[in-house]
Amino acid sequence: MHIEHYEKGIRYTDKELLTLARKIGKMATYCGRLKDEASLIRVDAQKLPTKKARDEVHVTITVELPRKKLRAESRKATVLEAIDRCTEKMQPQLIKYKEAWTTKRRKRKNRSSFATAA
């Protein structure tokens, strides 16, 4: 799993970087393919000049998996709140991806083993 993070107008503290890595790493529990070398997680965070203080930080998480790109966006007051919301949005997408690709693989395996047994 390769994690890239880009900031625009925001600086992370060391503690925030560790928390960010831990929260992003939890997404790997939903899909084993996130641990592959082929997968990439990109976190883009930028501070926007808005009238509402609760929409100041815009975070986008993009997960590039084999044959699929998943994406979640959130606007919150702090980076960690936005990342929490993005991981909540990403969880169902990862579960759906995992179910789709593992069931197809099982069906192919069952067909090939059935054909060789006959």
Protein backbone atom coordinates (compact mmCIF):
# COMPACT_ATOMS: atom_id res chain seq x y z
CA MET A 1 0.00 0.00 0.00
CA HIS A 2 1.41 3.33 -1.05
CA ILE A 3 0.01 6.51 0.53
CA GLU A 4 0.60 9.95 -1.00
CA HIS A 5 -0.64 13.10 0.67
CA TYR A 6 -0.71 16.60 -0.74
CA GLU A 7 -1.53 19.76 1.15
CA LYS A 8 -2.41 23.22 -0.11
CA GLY A 9 -2.58 25.92 2.52
CA ILE A 10 -2.43 23.34 5.33
CA ARG A 11 0.46 22.03 7.41
CA TYR A 12 0.22 18.74 9.29
CA THR A 13 1.85 18.29 12.66
CA ASP A 14 3.69 15.02 13.34
CA LYS A 15 0.82 13.85 15.52
CA GLU A 16 -1.71 14.60 12.77
CA LEU A 17 0.36 12.67 10.22
CA LEU A 18 0.44 9.60 12.47
CA THR A 19 -3.31 9.84 13.07
CA LEU A 20 -3.92 10.29 9.34
CA ALA A 21 -1.84 7.20 8.51
CA ARG A 22 -3.65 5.15 11.17
CA LYS A 23 -7.10 6.16 9.90
CA ILE A 24 -6.18 5.47 6.29
CA GLY A 25 -4.59 2.16 7.27
CA LYS A 26 -7.88 1.03 8.81
CA MET A 27 -9.38 1.01 5.31
CA ALA A 28 -7.15 -1.98 4.51
CA THR A 29 -9.26 -4.10 6.85
CA TYR A 30 -12.18 -3.80 4.43
CA CYS A 31 -10.27 -4.86 1.33
CA GLY A 32 -7.11 -6.96 1.20
CA ARG A 33 -6.10 -5.56 -2.17
CA LEU A 34 -5.23 -2.24 -0.52
CA LYS A 35 -2.14 -3.94 0.88
CA ASP A 36 -0.84 -4.80 -2.62
CA GLU A 37 1.99 -2.86 -4.19
CA ALA A 38 -0.28 -2.02 -7.13
CA SER A 39 -2.69 -0.04 -4.97
CA LEU A 40 -2.31 3.67 -4.29
CA ILE A 41 -4.07 5.92 -1.82
CA ARG A 42 -3.91 9.65 -2.50
CA VAL A 43 -5.05 12.21 0.08
CA ASP A 44 -5.50 15.78 -1.14
CA ALA A 45 -6.24 18.45 1.47
CA GLN A 46 -6.62 22.14 0.89
CA LYS A 47 -7.84 25.10 2.85
CA LEU A 48 -10.47 27.18 1.08
CA PRO A 49 -11.47 30.78 1.80
CA THR A 50 -15.13 30.31 2.69
CA LYS A 51 -17.63 32.27 4.70
CA LYS A 52 -18.55 29.23 6.77
CA ALA A 53 -15.85 28.05 9.14
CA ARG A 54 -17.23 24.51 9.05
CA ASP A 55 -16.43 24.19 5.32
CA GLU A 56 -12.87 25.52 5.43
CA VAL A 57 -10.99 22.28 4.73
CA HIS A 58 -11.64 20.21 1.61
CA VAL A 59 -10.26 16.65 1.61
CA THR A 60 -10.34 14.19 -1.27
CA ILE A 61 -9.27 10.56 -0.88
CA THR A 62 -8.65 8.61 -4.08
CA VAL A 63 -7.97 4.87 -3.94
CA GLU A 64 -6.51 3.32 -7.08
CA LEU A 65 -7.01 -0.44 -7.10
CA PRO A 66 -6.53 -2.96 -9.90
CA ARG A 67 -9.26 -2.24 -12.47
CA LYS A 68 -10.99 0.40 -10.31
CA LYS A 69 -10.68 3.93 -8.90
CA LEU A 70 -12.64 4.89 -5.80
CA ARG A 71 -13.08 8.44 -4.55
CA ALA A 72 -14.57 10.29 -1.59
CA GLU A 73 -14.71 14.01 -0.79
CA SER A 74 -15.59 15.97 2.32
CA ARG A 75 -15.59 19.56 3.57
CA LYS A 76 -15.24 20.07 7.31
CA ALA A 77 -13.68 22.46 9.82
CA THR A 78 -10.52 20.39 10.44
CA VAL A 79 -8.48 17.93 8.43
CA LEU A 80 -9.07 15.01 10.77
CA GLU A 81 -12.86 15.50 10.75
CA ALA A 82 -12.83 15.57 6.95
CA ILE A 83 -10.69 12.42 6.77
CA ASP A 84 -13.07 10.67 9.17
CA ARG A 85 -15.99 11.52 6.90
CA CYS A 86 -14.12 10.44 3.77
CA THR A 87 -13.23 7.06 5.29
CA GLU A 88 -16.90 6.61 6.25
CA LYS A 89 -17.85 7.27 2.62
CA MET A 90 -15.10 4.99 1.32
CA GLN A 91 -16.03 1.98 3.47
CA PRO A 92 -19.14 0.89 1.48
CA GLN A 93 -17.28 1.40 -1.80
CA LEU A 94 -14.43 -0.85 -0.65
CA ILE A 95 -16.80 -3.52 0.60
CA LYS A 96 -18.68 -3.48 -2.71
CA TYR A 97 -15.40 -3.72 -4.63
CA LYS A 98 -14.21 -6.61 -2.48
CA GLU A 99 -17.47 -8.53 -2.88
CA ALA A 100 -17.58 -7.96 -6.64
CA TRP A 101 -14.05 -9.13 -7.34
CA THR A 102 -13.86 -12.02 -4.89
CA THR A 103 -17.19 -13.53 -6.02
CA LYS A 104 -16.14 -13.35 -9.68
CA ARG A 105 -12.89 -15.07 -8.82
CA ARG A 106 -14.72 -17.81 -6.87
CA LYS A 107 -17.13 -18.40 -9.75
CA ARG A 108 -14.24 -18.78 -12.17
CA LYS A 109 -12.45 -21.20 -9.84
CA ASN A 110 -15.59 -23.25 -9.31
CA ARG A 111 -16.24 -23.48 -13.05
CA SER A 112 -12.69 -24.58 -13.82
CA SER A 113 -12.64 -27.18 -11.03
CA PHE A 114 -16.05 -28.48 -12.15
CA ALA A 115 -14.89 -28.79 -15.74
CA THR A 116 -11.75 -30.73 -14.76
CA ALA A 117 -13.70 -33.04 -12.43
CA ALA A 118 -16.12 -34.03 -15.17
